[in-house]
C-alpha atoms as a PDB file:
ATOM      1  CA  MET A   1     100.582  56.619 123.600  1.00  0.00           C
ATOM      2  CA  THR A   2      98.145  54.672 124.046  1.00  0.00           C
ATOM      3  CA  GLY A   3      95.590  54.522 120.821  1.00  0.00           C
ATOM      4  CA  SER A   4      98.125  56.265 118.818  1.00  0.00           C
ATOM      5  CA  PRO A   5      98.734  55.912 115.041  1.00  0.00           C
ATOM      6  CA  GLY A   6     101.324  53.893 115.670  1.00  0.00           C
ATOM      7  CA  SER A   7      99.193  51.215 117.934  1.00  0.00           C
ATOM      8  CA  ASP A   8      97.742  48.045 117.177  1.00  0.00           C
ATOM      9  CA  ASP A   9      93.848  47.509 116.135  1.00  0.00           C
ATOM     10  CA  ALA A  10      93.415  45.955 119.843  1.00  0.00           C
ATOM     11  CA  THR A  11      94.910  48.593 121.669  1.00  0.00           C
ATOM     12  CA  VAL A  12      92.882  51.536 119.572  1.00  0.00           C
ATOM     13  CA  ILE A  13      89.771  49.396 120.271  1.00  0.00           C
ATOM     14  CA  ALA A  14      90.571  49.108 123.958  1.00  0.00           C
ATOM     15  CA  THR A  15      91.160  52.394 124.260  1.00  0.00           C
ATOM     16  CA  SER A  16      88.082  53.965 122.349  1.00  0.00           C
ATOM     17  CA  LEU A  17      86.264  52.207 125.323  1.00  0.00           C
ATOM     18  CA  GLU A  18      87.414  55.423 127.141  1.00  0.00           C
ATOM     19  CA  ARG A  19      88.327  57.471 124.637  1.00  0.00           C
ATOM     20  CA  PRO A  20      85.117  57.246 121.760  1.00  0.00           C
ATOM     21  CA  GLU A  21      87.242  59.837 119.650  1.00  0.00           C
ATOM     22  CA  VAL A  22      90.217  57.206 119.252  1.00  0.00           C
ATOM     23  CA  PHE A  23      87.838  55.023 117.204  1.00  0.00           C
ATOM     24  CA  ALA A  24      88.178  57.388 114.349  1.00  0.00           C
ATOM     25  CA  GLU A  25      91.690  55.467 113.742  1.00  0.00           C
ATOM     26  CA  LEU A  26      90.404  52.458 112.785  1.00  0.00           C
ATOM     27  CA  TYR A  27      88.155  54.471 109.821  1.00  0.00           C
ATOM     28  CA  SER A  28      91.298  55.625 108.784  1.00  0.00           C
ATOM     29  CA  ARG A  29      93.399  52.464 108.317  1.00  0.00           C
ATOM     30  CA  TYR A  30      90.299  50.417 107.034  1.00  0.00           C
ATOM     31  CA  ALA A  31      87.080  52.651 105.251  1.00  0.00           C
ATOM     32  CA  ALA A  32      88.789  53.073 101.796  1.00  0.00           C
ATOM     33  CA  ASP A  33      89.342  48.735 102.065  1.00  0.00           C
ATOM     34  CA  ILE A  34      85.767  48.480 103.369  1.00  0.00           C
ATOM     35  CA  HIS A  35      84.589  50.852 100.571  1.00  0.00           C
ATOM     36  CA  ARG A  36      86.133  49.203  97.425  1.00  0.00           C
ATOM     37  CA  TYR A  37      85.382  45.906  98.526  1.00  0.00           C
ATOM     38  CA  ALA A  38      81.618  46.915  99.436  1.00  0.00           C
ATOM     39  CA  THR A  39      81.864  48.633  95.856  1.00  0.00           C
ATOM     40  CA  ARG A  40      82.626  45.546  94.069  1.00  0.00           C
ATOM     41  CA  ARG A  41      79.190  43.498  95.668  1.00  0.00           C
ATOM     42  CA  LEU A  42      77.094  46.046  95.571  1.00  0.00           C
ATOM     43  CA  GLY A  43      78.222  49.631  93.450  1.00  0.00           C
ATOM     44  CA  ASP A  44      79.261  52.604  94.111  1.00  0.00           C
ATOM     45  CA  ALA A  45      76.128  53.722  95.477  1.00  0.00           C
ATOM     46  CA  ALA A  46      74.964  51.492  97.986  1.00  0.00           C
ATOM     47  CA  ALA A  47      78.937  51.502  99.442  1.00  0.00           C
ATOM     48  CA  ASP A  48      79.511  54.311 100.944  1.00  0.00           C
ATOM     49  CA  ASP A  49      75.649  53.159 103.472  1.00  0.00           C
ATOM     50  CA  ILE A  50      77.464  49.699 103.762  1.00  0.00           C
ATOM     51  CA  THR A  51      81.162  51.771 104.774  1.00  0.00           C
ATOM     52  CA  ALA A  52      79.215  53.638 107.267  1.00  0.00           C
ATOM     53  CA  ASP A  53      77.108  50.686 108.719  1.00  0.00           C
ATOM     54  CA  THR A  54      80.091  49.061 109.143  1.00  0.00           C
ATOM     55  CA  PHE A  55      81.968  51.473 111.148  1.00  0.00           C
ATOM     56  CA  LEU A  56      78.989  52.267 113.100  1.00  0.00           C
ATOM     57  CA  ALA A  57      78.015  48.851 114.117  1.00  0.00           C
ATOM     58  CA  ALA A  58      81.745  47.905 115.217  1.00  0.00           C
ATOM     59  CA  PHE A  59      82.386  51.238 116.984  1.00  0.00           C
ATOM     60  CA  ARG A  60      78.719  49.906 118.889  1.00  0.00           C
ATOM     61  CA  ALA A  61      80.665  46.640 119.340  1.00  0.00           C
ATOM     62  CA  ARG A  62      83.659  47.369 120.208  1.00  0.00           C
ATOM     63  CA  SER A  63      83.067  46.645 124.127  1.00  0.00           C
ATOM     64  CA  GLY A  64      82.656  42.607 122.919  1.00  0.00           C
ATOM     65  CA  TYR A  65      86.127  42.870 120.653  1.00  0.00           C
ATOM     66  CA  ASP A  66      88.224  39.996 121.843  1.00  0.00           C
ATOM     67  CA  LEU A  67      91.286  42.369 122.182  1.00  0.00           C
ATOM     68  CA  GLY A  68      93.785  39.227 121.833  1.00  0.00           C
ATOM     69  CA  ARG A  69      93.148  39.927 117.896  1.00  0.00           C
ATOM     70  CA  ALA A  70      95.461  42.692 117.489  1.00  0.00           C
ATOM     71  CA  ASN A  71      94.337  43.125 113.408  1.00  0.00           C
ATOM     72  CA  ALA A  72      90.706  44.010 113.486  1.00  0.00           C
ATOM     73  CA  ARG A  73      90.455  43.875 109.521  1.00  0.00           C
ATOM     74  CA  PRO A  74      88.894  40.646 109.409  1.00  0.00           C
ATOM     75  CA  TRP A  75      86.451  41.602 112.013  1.00  0.00           C
ATOM     76  CA  LEU A  76      85.549  44.858 109.855  1.00  0.00           C
ATOM     77  CA  TYR A  77      85.337  42.685 106.670  1.00  0.00           C
ATOM     78  CA  GLY A  78      82.758  40.119 108.635  1.00  0.00           C
ATOM     79  CA  ILE A  79      80.581  43.180 109.980  1.00  0.00           C
ATOM     80  CA  ALA A  80      80.696  44.836 106.310  1.00  0.00           C
ATOM     81  CA  ALA A  81      79.825  40.667 104.412  1.00  0.00           C
ATOM     82  CA  ASN A  82      76.739  40.584 106.894  1.00  0.00           C
ATOM     83  CA  LEU A  83      75.825  44.278 106.008  1.00  0.00           C
ATOM     84  CA  ILE A  84      76.194  42.928 102.183  1.00  0.00           C
ATOM     85  CA  GLY A  85      74.306  39.582 103.325  1.00  0.00           C
ATOM     86  CA  LYS A  86      71.201  41.260 104.589  1.00  0.00           C
ATOM     87  CA  GLN A  87      71.226  43.567 100.522  1.00  0.00           C
ATOM     88  CA  ARG A  88      71.446  39.544  98.982  1.00  0.00           C
ATOM     89  CA  ARG A  89      68.867  40.569  96.088  1.00  0.00           C
ATOM     90  CA  THR A  90      70.748  43.650  95.149  1.00  0.00           C
ATOM     91  CA  GLU A  91      73.348  42.306  94.413  1.00  0.00           C
ATOM     92  CA  VAL A  92      72.424  38.896  92.908  1.00  0.00           C
ATOM     93  CA  ARG A  93      70.401  41.999  90.483  1.00  0.00           C
ATOM     94  CA  ALA A  94      73.738  43.590  89.602  1.00  0.00           C
ATOM     95  CA  LEU A  95      75.554  40.449  89.022  1.00  0.00           C
ATOM     96  CA  GLY A  96      72.495  39.627  86.793  1.00  0.00           C
ATOM     97  CA  VAL A  97      72.836  42.901  84.797  1.00  0.00           C
ATOM     98  CA  LEU A  98      77.011  42.384  84.908  1.00  0.00           C
ATOM     99  CA  ALA A  99      75.793  38.521  83.437  1.00  0.00           C
ATOM    100  CA  ARG A 100      73.398  39.546  80.473  1.00  0.00           C
ATOM    101  CA  THR A 101      75.419  42.915  79.674  1.00  0.00           C
ATOM    102  CA  GLY A 102      78.923  41.863  79.968  1.00  0.00           C
ATOM    103  CA  HIS A 103      79.467  45.864  81.413  1.00  0.00           C
ATOM    104  CA  ASP A 104      81.144  46.678  84.325  1.00  0.00           C
ATOM    105  CA  PRO A 105      82.170  50.203  84.970  1.00  0.00           C
ATOM    106  CA  VAL A 106      83.736  49.796  88.303  1.00  0.00           C
ATOM    107  CA  ALA A 107      85.958  47.131  86.446  1.00  0.00           C
ATOM    108  CA  GLU A 108      86.333  49.241  83.418  1.00  0.00           C
ATOM    109  CA  SER A 109      87.941  52.030  86.189  1.00  0.00           C
ATOM    110  CA  TRP A 110      90.158  50.182  87.695  1.00  0.00           C
ATOM    111  CA  VAL A 111      91.640  48.014  84.524  1.00  0.00           C
ATOM    112  CA  ASP A 112      94.078  50.659  83.072  1.00  0.00           C
ATOM    113  CA  HIS A 113      95.716  48.665  79.810  1.00  0.00           C
ATOM    114  CA  ALA A 114      93.706  48.068  77.006  1.00  0.00           C
ATOM    115  CA  ASP A 115      94.581  44.289  76.835  1.00  0.00           C
ATOM    116  CA  ASP A 116      93.766  43.278  80.058  1.00  0.00           C
ATOM    117  CA  ARG A 117      90.660  45.185  79.908  1.00  0.00           C
ATOM    118  CA  VAL A 118      89.628  43.103  76.995  1.00  0.00           C
ATOM    119  CA  THR A 119      90.531  39.889  78.932  1.00  0.00           C
ATOM    120  CA  ALA A 120      88.737  40.933  81.988  1.00  0.00           C
ATOM    121  CA  GLN A 121      85.448  42.161  79.916  1.00  0.00           C
ATOM    122  CA  ALA A 122      85.496  38.657  78.212  1.00  0.00           C
ATOM    123  CA  ALA A 123      85.055  36.771  81.642  1.00  0.00           C
ATOM    124  CA  HIS A 124      82.344  39.581  83.509  1.00  0.00           C
ATOM    125  CA  GLY A 125      79.538  37.996  81.680  1.00  0.00           C
ATOM    126  CA  PRO A 126      79.883  34.224  83.130  1.00  0.00           C
ATOM    127  CA  LEU A 127      81.433  35.351  85.868  1.00  0.00           C
ATOM    128  CA  ALA A 128      79.086  37.994  87.267  1.00  0.00           C
ATOM    129  CA  GLY A 129      76.505  34.643  86.732  1.00  0.00           C
ATOM    130  CA  ALA A 130      78.447  32.338  88.293  1.00  0.00           C
ATOM    131  CA  LEU A 131      78.797  34.827  91.552  1.00  0.00           C
ATOM    132  CA  ALA A 132      75.067  35.867  91.183  1.00  0.00           C
ATOM    133  CA  ALA A 133      74.365  31.385  91.451  1.00  0.00           C
ATOM    134  CA  LEU A 134      76.519  30.763  94.394  1.00  0.00           C
ATOM    135  CA  SER A 135      74.854  30.444  97.825  1.00  0.00           C
ATOM    136  CA  GLY A 136      75.803  33.623 100.449  1.00  0.00           C
ATOM    137  CA  GLY A 137      77.731  31.777 102.136  1.00  0.00           C
ATOM    138  CA  ASP A 138      79.928  30.879  99.377  1.00  0.00           C
ATOM    139  CA  ARG A 139      79.960  34.090  97.776  1.00  0.00           C
ATOM    140  CA  HIS A 140      81.060  35.904 100.987  1.00  0.00           C
ATOM    141  CA  VAL A 141      84.382  33.610 101.117  1.00  0.00           C
ATOM    142  CA  LEU A 142      85.436  33.832  97.704  1.00  0.00           C
ATOM    143  CA  LEU A 143      84.941  37.349  97.329  1.00  0.00           C
ATOM    144  CA  LEU A 144      86.698  37.645 100.767  1.00  0.00           C
ATOM    145  CA  VAL A 145      89.419  36.076  99.396  1.00  0.00           C
ATOM    146  CA  ALA A 146      89.716  36.733  96.034  1.00  0.00           C
ATOM    147  CA  TRP A 147      88.609  40.952  96.526  1.00  0.00           C
ATOM    148  CA  ALA A 148      89.527  41.476  99.806  1.00  0.00           C
ATOM    149  CA  ASP A 149      92.511  39.295 100.017  1.00  0.00           C
ATOM    150  CA  LEU A 150      92.465  37.713 103.517  1.00  0.00           C
ATOM    151  CA  THR A 151      93.782  34.502 104.201  1.00  0.00           C
ATOM    152  CA  TYR A 152      92.185  31.747 105.057  1.00  0.00           C
ATOM    153  CA  GLN A 153      92.262  32.268 108.841  1.00  0.00           C
ATOM    154  CA  GLU A 154      91.040  35.993 108.815  1.00  0.00           C
ATOM    155  CA  VAL A 155      88.116  35.044 106.487  1.00  0.00           C
ATOM    156  CA  ALA A 156      87.459  32.267 109.608  1.00  0.00           C
ATOM    157  CA  GLU A 157      87.366  34.931 111.821  1.00  0.00           C
ATOM    158  CA  ALA A 158      85.194  37.499 109.948  1.00  0.00           C
ATOM    159  CA  LEU A 159      82.119  34.857 109.195  1.00  0.00           C
ATOM    160  CA  ALA A 160      83.238  33.557 112.405  1.00  0.00           C
ATOM    161  CA  ILE A 161      83.409  29.949 110.940  1.00  0.00           C
ATOM    162  CA  PRO A 162      86.157  26.946 110.840  1.00  0.00           C
ATOM    163  CA  VAL A 163      89.000  26.891 108.903  1.00  0.00           C
ATOM    164  CA  GLY A 164      87.798  23.849 107.197  1.00  0.00           C
ATOM    165  CA  THR A 165      84.445  25.717 106.231  1.00  0.00           C
ATOM    166  CA  VAL A 166      86.595  28.034 104.430  1.00  0.00           C
ATOM    167  CA  ARG A 167      88.414  25.560 102.778  1.00  0.00           C
ATOM    168  CA  SER A 168      85.113  23.567 101.961  1.00  0.00           C
ATOM    169  CA  ARG A 169      82.926  26.841 100.687  1.00  0.00           C
ATOM    170  CA  LEU A 170      86.168  28.142  98.373  1.00  0.00           C
ATOM    171  CA  ASN A 171      86.997  25.049  96.810  1.00  0.00           C
ATOM    172  CA  ARG A 172      83.028  24.605  95.809  1.00  0.00           C
ATOM    173  CA  ALA A 173      83.123  28.412  94.824  1.00  0.00           C
ATOM    174  CA  ARG A 174      85.816  27.132  92.618  1.00  0.00           C
ATOM    175  CA  LYS A 175      84.492  24.779  90.825  1.00  0.00           C
ATOM    176  CA  LYS A 176      81.270  26.231  90.087  1.00  0.00           C
ATOM    177  CA  VAL A 177      83.241  29.190  89.019  1.00  0.00           C
ATOM    178  CA  ARG A 178      85.668  27.385  86.627  1.00  0.00           C
ATOM    179  CA  ALA A 179      82.745  25.584  85.569  1.00  0.00           C
ATOM    180  CA  ALA A 180      80.965  28.798  84.224  1.00  0.00           C
ATOM    181  CA  LEU A 181      83.829  29.981  83.036  1.00  0.00           C
ATOM    182  CA  GLY A 182      83.880  26.928  80.625  1.00  0.00           C
ATOM    183  CA  ASP A 183      86.771  24.965  82.236  1.00  0.00           C
ATOM    184  CA  CYS A 184      89.252  27.409  81.318  1.00  0.00           C
ATOM    185  CA  ASP A 185      92.568  27.589  82.844  1.00  0.00           C
ATOM    186  CA  PRO A 186      91.802  28.630  86.743  1.00  0.00           C
ATOM    187  CA  THR A 187      94.119  31.389  86.764  1.00  0.00           C
ATOM    188  CA  LEU A 188      91.741  32.929  84.460  1.00  0.00           C
ATOM    189  CA  VAL A 189      89.572  33.778  87.569  1.00  0.00           C
ATOM    190  CA  GLN A 190      92.114  34.325  89.774  1.00  0.00           C
ATOM    191  CA  ASP A 191      94.019  36.781  87.492  1.00  0.00           C
ATOM    192  CA  PHE A 192      90.997  38.753  86.708  1.00  0.00           C
ATOM    193  CA  ALA A 193      90.226  39.018  90.540  1.00  0.00           C
ATOM    194  CA  THR A 194      93.888  40.448  90.705  1.00  0.00           C
ATOM    195  CA  GLU A 195      93.438  42.724  87.708  1.00  0.00           C
ATOM    196  CA  VAL A 196      90.296  44.172  89.403  1.00  0.00           C
ATOM    197  CA  THR A 197      91.305  44.447  92.398  1.00  0.00           C
ATOM    198  CA  HIS A 198      95.255  45.783  91.983  1.00  0.00           C
ATOM    199  CA  GLY A 199      94.853  47.240  88.567  1.00  0.00           C
END
């Protein structure tokens, strides 16, 4: 059946044009991921609004969705990133607090092991400061790769930019983050992001 739970995202979106209730399937598939990403970026209170607004905006824009793209995940993350970008001051302020205090209750709740928690906690302040110092575009690319696990192509689709731009922004962001962490082993940044998102 068209628009059934086993259908690809493009089919769900196409079906929702005549049967709007079918769009709820995309919410079921991706809301938790979008919420987790928004929580990492802006905190739990704002994440509820970002998630709701992401799916509302997607629902309203669904007639313009490129049905040649079977997977709507990058499109949804792009909408969320744009909404988060509108709250840049909130994000930079939260990162500034984290940089000063080193306290991140979101990460603490996701990191299970004491040794991992100590390692991750030690990186919070400098990492948060480096993230706050990045341009909005560089931060979006870095965090869509590190925290949303999007591929370069998916980030390009999400932000409507060429893959080459994704690569250059990611390279620039990684250099700045490494420098903020004292040019430590670059895997520390990757491990930190992995621990926080998959811990």
